PDB file of N, CA and C in Angstrom:
ATOM      1  N   MET A   1    -121.874 -43.426 -33.609  1.00  0.00           N
ATOM      2  CA  MET A   1    -123.094 -42.965 -32.979  1.00  0.00           C
ATOM      3  C   MET A   1    -123.265 -43.707 -31.649  1.00  0.00           C
ATOM      4  N   PRO A   2    -123.673 -43.006 -30.591  1.00  0.00           N
ATOM      5  CA  PRO A   2    -123.828 -43.653 -29.286  1.00  0.00           C
ATOM      6  C   PRO A   2    -124.968 -44.676 -29.293  1.00  0.00           C
ATOM      7  N   ARG A   3    -124.821 -45.692 -28.500  1.00  0.00           N
ATOM      8  CA  ARG A   3    -125.858 -46.723 -28.367  1.00  0.00           C
ATOM      9  C   ARG A   3    -126.408 -46.677 -26.951  1.00  0.00           C
ATOM     10  N   VAL A   4    -127.678 -47.028 -26.845  1.00  0.00           N
ATOM     11  CA  VAL A   4    -128.349 -47.014 -25.549  1.00  0.00           C
ATOM     12  C   VAL A   4    -129.041 -48.359 -25.362  1.00  0.00           C
ATOM     13  N   ASP A   5    -128.867 -48.935 -24.188  1.00  0.00           N
ATOM     14  CA  ASP A   5    -129.589 -50.161 -23.867  1.00  0.00           C
ATOM     15  C   ASP A   5    -130.971 -49.790 -23.342  1.00  0.00           C
ATOM     16  N   VAL A   6    -131.992 -50.346 -23.978  1.00  0.00           N
ATOM     17  CA  VAL A   6    -133.364 -50.055 -23.581  1.00  0.00           C
ATOM     18  C   VAL A   6    -134.114 -51.369 -23.454  1.00  0.00           C
ATOM     19  N   GLU A   7    -134.913 -51.451 -22.418  1.00  0.00           N
ATOM     20  CA  GLU A   7    -135.753 -52.632 -22.234  1.00  0.00           C
ATOM     21  C   GLU A   7    -136.870 -52.598 -23.279  1.00  0.00           C
ATOM     22  N   PRO A   8    -137.141 -53.705 -23.955  1.00  0.00           N
ATOM     23  CA  PRO A   8    -138.204 -53.718 -24.978  1.00  0.00           C
ATOM     24  C   PRO A   8    -139.571 -53.290 -24.427  1.00  0.00           C
ATOM     25  N   GLU A   9    -139.881 -53.700 -23.198  1.00  0.00           N
ATOM     26  CA  GLU A   9    -141.173 -53.327 -22.601  1.00  0.00           C
ATOM     27  C   GLU A   9    -141.256 -51.821 -22.404  1.00  0.00           C
ATOM     28  N   GLU A  10    -140.140 -51.233 -21.982  1.00  0.00           N
ATOM     29  CA  GLU A  10    -140.114 -49.792 -21.774  1.00  0.00           C
ATOM     30  C   GLU A  10    -140.301 -49.046 -23.102  1.00  0.00           C
ATOM     31  N   LEU A  11    -139.675 -49.548 -24.143  1.00  0.00           N
ATOM     32  CA  LEU A  11    -139.800 -48.940 -25.459  1.00  0.00           C
ATOM     33  C   LEU A  11    -141.233 -49.065 -25.985  1.00  0.00           C
ATOM     34  N   LEU A  12    -141.850 -50.213 -25.784  1.00  0.00           N
ATOM     35  CA  LEU A  12    -143.241 -50.410 -26.199  1.00  0.00           C
ATOM     36  C   LEU A  12    -144.187 -49.498 -25.421  1.00  0.00           C
ATOM     37  N   ARG A  13    -143.934 -49.340 -24.135  1.00  0.00           N
ATOM     38  CA  ARG A  13    -144.758 -48.461 -23.295  1.00  0.00           C
ATOM     39  C   ARG A  13    -144.628 -47.005 -23.780  1.00  0.00           C
ATOM     40  N   PHE A  14    -143.389 -46.589 -24.070  1.00  0.00           N
ATOM     41  CA  PHE A  14    -143.171 -45.237 -24.570  1.00  0.00           C
ATOM     42  C   PHE A  14    -143.899 -45.033 -25.894  1.00  0.00           C
ATOM     43  N   ALA A  15    -143.805 -46.003 -26.790  1.00  0.00           N
ATOM     44  CA  ALA A  15    -144.467 -45.895 -28.094  1.00  0.00           C
ATOM     45  C   ALA A  15    -145.989 -45.783 -27.924  1.00  0.00           C
ATOM     46  N   ALA A  16    -146.539 -46.552 -27.003  1.00  0.00           N
ATOM     47  CA  ALA A  16    -147.988 -46.509 -26.758  1.00  0.00           C
ATOM     48  C   ALA A  16    -148.401 -45.151 -26.189  1.00  0.00           C
ATOM     49  N   GLU A  17    -147.603 -44.614 -25.272  1.00  0.00           N
ATOM     50  CA  GLU A  17    -147.899 -43.306 -24.687  1.00  0.00           C
ATOM     51  C   GLU A  17    -147.790 -42.208 -25.745  1.00  0.00           C
ATOM     52  N   LEU A  18    -146.801 -42.313 -26.618  1.00  0.00           N
ATOM     53  CA  LEU A  18    -146.632 -41.336 -27.685  1.00  0.00           C
ATOM     54  C   LEU A  18    -147.808 -41.385 -28.658  1.00  0.00           C
ATOM     55  N   LYS A  19    -148.263 -42.579 -28.980  1.00  0.00           N
ATOM     56  CA  LYS A  19    -149.414 -42.734 -29.872  1.00  0.00           C
ATOM     57  C   LYS A  19    -150.665 -42.115 -29.241  1.00  0.00           C
ATOM     58  N   ALA A  20    -150.883 -42.382 -27.954  1.00  0.00           N
ATOM     59  CA  ALA A  20    -152.047 -41.822 -27.264  1.00  0.00           C
ATOM     60  C   ALA A  20    -151.963 -40.294 -27.224  1.00  0.00           C
ATOM     61  N   PHE A  21    -150.777 -39.771 -26.964  1.00  0.00           N
ATOM     62  CA  PHE A  21    -150.586 -38.325 -26.937  1.00  0.00           C
ATOM     63  C   PHE A  21    -150.925 -37.714 -28.294  1.00  0.00           C
ATOM     64  N   ASN A  22    -150.432 -38.320 -29.366  1.00  0.00           N
ATOM     65  CA  ASN A  22    -150.691 -37.812 -30.714  1.00  0.00           C
ATOM     66  C   ASN A  22    -152.178 -37.850 -31.044  1.00  0.00           C
ATOM     67  N   GLU A  23    -152.873 -38.899 -30.619  1.00  0.00           N
ATOM     68  CA  GLU A  23    -154.310 -38.998 -30.868  1.00  0.00           C
ATOM     69  C   GLU A  23    -155.061 -37.901 -30.111  1.00  0.00           C
ATOM     70  N   GLN A  24    -154.670 -37.664 -28.860  1.00  0.00           N
ATOM     71  CA  GLN A  24    -155.306 -36.603 -28.074  1.00  0.00           C
ATOM     72  C   GLN A  24    -155.038 -35.240 -28.693  1.00  0.00           C
ATOM     73  N   LEU A  25    -153.820 -35.034 -29.159  1.00  0.00           N
ATOM     74  CA  LEU A  25    -153.471 -33.762 -29.791  1.00  0.00           C
ATOM     75  C   LEU A  25    -154.298 -33.534 -31.056  1.00  0.00           C
ATOM     76  N   ARG A  26    -154.438 -34.565 -31.875  1.00  0.00           N
ATOM     77  CA  ARG A  26    -155.258 -34.453 -33.090  1.00  0.00           C
ATOM     78  C   ARG A  26    -156.708 -34.107 -32.744  1.00  0.00           C
ATOM     79  N   GLU A  27    -157.252 -34.795 -31.742  1.00  0.00           N
ATOM     80  CA  GLU A  27    -158.645 -34.563 -31.346  1.00  0.00           C
ATOM     81  C   GLU A  27    -158.846 -33.141 -30.833  1.00  0.00           C
ATOM     82  N   ARG A  28    -157.946 -32.682 -29.979  1.00  0.00           N
ATOM     83  CA  ARG A  28    -158.081 -31.341 -29.417  1.00  0.00           C
ATOM     84  C   ARG A  28    -157.863 -30.261 -30.470  1.00  0.00           C
ATOM     85  N   THR A  29    -156.944 -30.509 -31.395  1.00  0.00           N
ATOM     86  CA  THR A  29    -156.721 -29.560 -32.485  1.00  0.00           C
ATOM     87  C   THR A  29    -157.967 -29.469 -33.352  1.00  0.00           C
ATOM     88  N   SER A  30    -158.590 -30.601 -33.604  1.00  0.00           N
ATOM     89  CA  SER A  30    -159.817 -30.626 -34.396  1.00  0.00           C
ATOM     90  C   SER A  30    -160.917 -29.827 -33.703  1.00  0.00           C
ATOM     91  N   ARG A  31    -161.048 -29.985 -32.401  1.00  0.00           N
ATOM     92  CA  ARG A  31    -162.058 -29.234 -31.648  1.00  0.00           C
ATOM     93  C   ARG A  31    -161.802 -27.733 -31.735  1.00  0.00           C
ATOM     94  N   LEU A  32    -160.541 -27.348 -31.630  1.00  0.00           N
ATOM     95  CA  LEU A  32    -160.204 -25.930 -31.744  1.00  0.00           C
ATOM     96  C   LEU A  32    -160.567 -25.383 -33.118  1.00  0.00           C
ATOM     97  N   ARG A  33    -160.259 -26.144 -34.160  1.00  0.00           N
ATOM     98  CA  ARG A  33    -160.588 -25.701 -35.519  1.00  0.00           C
ATOM     99  C   ARG A  33    -162.083 -25.502 -35.686  1.00  0.00           C
ATOM    100  N   VAL A  34    -162.860 -26.445 -35.167  1.00  0.00           N
ATOM    101  CA  VAL A  34    -164.322 -26.324 -35.245  1.00  0.00           C
ATOM    102  C   VAL A  34    -164.781 -25.072 -34.509  1.00  0.00           C
ATOM    103  N   GLY A  35    -164.221 -24.853 -33.328  1.00  0.00           N
ATOM    104  CA  GLY A  35    -164.593 -23.661 -32.556  1.00  0.00           C
ATOM    105  C   GLY A  35    -164.248 -22.373 -33.285  1.00  0.00           C
ATOM    106  N   PHE A  36    -163.064 -22.313 -33.884  1.00  0.00           N
ATOM    107  CA  PHE A  36    -162.670 -21.119 -34.624  1.00  0.00           C
ATOM    108  C   PHE A  36    -163.555 -20.909 -35.854  1.00  0.00           C
ATOM    109  N   LYS A  37    -163.938 -21.994 -36.518  1.00  0.00           N
ATOM    110  CA  LYS A  37    -164.835 -21.864 -37.673  1.00  0.00           C
ATOM    111  C   LYS A  37    -166.186 -21.303 -37.236  1.00  0.00           C
ATOM    112  N   GLN A  38    -166.685 -21.777 -36.086  1.00  0.00           N
ATOM    113  CA  GLN A  38    -167.970 -21.278 -35.587  1.00  0.00           C
ATOM    114  C   GLN A  38    -167.877 -19.792 -35.260  1.00  0.00           C
ATOM    115  N   ILE A  39    -166.783 -19.394 -34.648  1.00  0.00           N
ATOM    116  CA  ILE A  39    -166.589 -17.974 -34.336  1.00  0.00           C
ATOM    117  C   ILE A  39    -166.527 -17.168 -35.628  1.00  0.00           C
ATOM    118  N   GLY A  40    -165.810 -17.698 -36.621  1.00  0.00           N
ATOM    119  CA  GLY A  40    -165.712 -17.007 -37.902  1.00  0.00           C
ATOM    120  C   GLY A  40    -167.051 -16.830 -38.575  1.00  0.00           C
ATOM    121  N   ARG A  41    -167.888 -17.853 -38.501  1.00  0.00           N
ATOM    122  CA  ARG A  41    -169.227 -17.753 -39.102  1.00  0.00           C
ATOM    123  C   ARG A  41    -170.068 -16.697 -38.387  1.00  0.00           C
ATOM    124  N   LYS A  42    -169.964 -16.658 -37.061  1.00  0.00           N
ATOM    125  CA  LYS A  42    -170.726 -15.668 -36.288  1.00  0.00           C
ATOM    126  C   LYS A  42    -170.269 -14.257 -36.641  1.00  0.00           C
ATOM    127  N   MET A  43    -168.974 -14.083 -36.829  1.00  0.00           N
ATOM    128  CA  MET A  43    -168.433 -12.760 -37.140  1.00  0.00           C
ATOM    129  C   MET A  43    -168.806 -12.333 -38.559  1.00  0.00           C
ATOM    130  N   ALA A  44    -169.043 -13.291 -39.443  1.00  0.00           N
ATOM    131  CA  ALA A  44    -169.340 -12.979 -40.839  1.00  0.00           C
ATOM    132  C   ALA A  44    -170.818 -12.651 -41.064  1.00  0.00           C
ATOM    133  N   ARG A  45    -171.656 -12.901 -40.079  1.00  0.00           N
ATOM    134  CA  ARG A  45    -173.087 -12.634 -40.236  1.00  0.00           C
ATOM    135  C   ARG A  45    -173.347 -11.130 -40.317  1.00  0.00           C
ATOM    136  N   PRO A  46    -174.301 -10.744 -41.157  1.00  0.00           N
ATOM    137  CA  PRO A  46    -174.672  -9.323 -41.211  1.00  0.00           C
ATOM    138  C   PRO A  46    -175.216  -8.867 -39.862  1.00  0.00           C
ATOM    139  N   GLY A  47    -174.817  -7.692 -39.468  1.00  0.00           N
ATOM    140  CA  GLY A  47    -175.292  -7.139 -38.200  1.00  0.00           C
ATOM    141  C   GLY A  47    -174.450  -7.545 -37.011  1.00  0.00           C
ATOM    142  N   THR A  48    -173.473  -8.405 -37.218  1.00  0.00           N
ATOM    143  CA  THR A  48    -172.603  -8.809 -36.120  1.00  0.00           C
ATOM    144  C   THR A  48    -171.492  -7.781 -35.987  1.00  0.00           C
ATOM    145  N   GLN A  49    -171.306  -7.329 -34.800  1.00  0.00           N
ATOM    146  CA  GLN A  49    -170.256  -6.324 -34.570  1.00  0.00           C
ATOM    147  C   GLN A  49    -168.955  -7.011 -34.177  1.00  0.00           C
ATOM    148  N   LYS A  50    -167.865  -6.449 -34.640  1.00  0.00           N
ATOM    149  CA  LYS A  50    -166.576  -6.961 -34.252  1.00  0.00           C
ATOM    150  C   LYS A  50    -166.227  -6.443 -32.861  1.00  0.00           C
ATOM    151  N   VAL A  51    -165.550  -7.250 -32.114  1.00  0.00           N
ATOM    152  CA  VAL A  51    -165.139  -6.867 -30.766  1.00  0.00           C
ATOM    153  C   VAL A  51    -163.889  -6.016 -30.873  1.00  0.00           C
ATOM    154  N   ARG A  52    -163.910  -4.864 -30.236  1.00  0.00           N
ATOM    155  CA  ARG A  52    -162.734  -3.986 -30.228  1.00  0.00           C
ATOM    156  C   ARG A  52    -162.136  -3.984 -28.849  1.00  0.00           C
ATOM    157  N   ARG A  53    -160.834  -4.074 -28.809  1.00  0.00           N
ATOM    158  CA  ARG A  53    -160.147  -4.051 -27.516  1.00  0.00           C
ATOM    159  C   ARG A  53    -159.430  -2.724 -27.360  1.00  0.00           C
ATOM    160  N   GLY A  54    -159.265  -2.343 -26.134  1.00  0.00           N
ATOM    161  CA  GLY A  54    -158.546  -1.100 -25.866  1.00  0.00           C
ATOM    162  C   GLY A  54    -159.497   0.079 -25.764  1.00  0.00           C
ATOM    163  N   VAL A  55    -158.911   1.217 -25.562  1.00  0.00           N
ATOM    164  CA  VAL A  55    -159.716   2.431 -25.391  1.00  0.00           C
ATOM    165  C   VAL A  55    -159.624   3.311 -26.592  1.00  0.00           C
TER     166      VAL A  55
END
């Protein structure tokens, strides 16, 4: 298997950036889920019309 020389500081920086990215992704995914749930609740209410696209 090939080996790569990596500076420890560079590896730590990459790990920190990856962790921050994953945290942001989790947060944004959570926000999307909440938004979709709210839309679903609005669509499930009596008297709410579904949006139709096209002609």
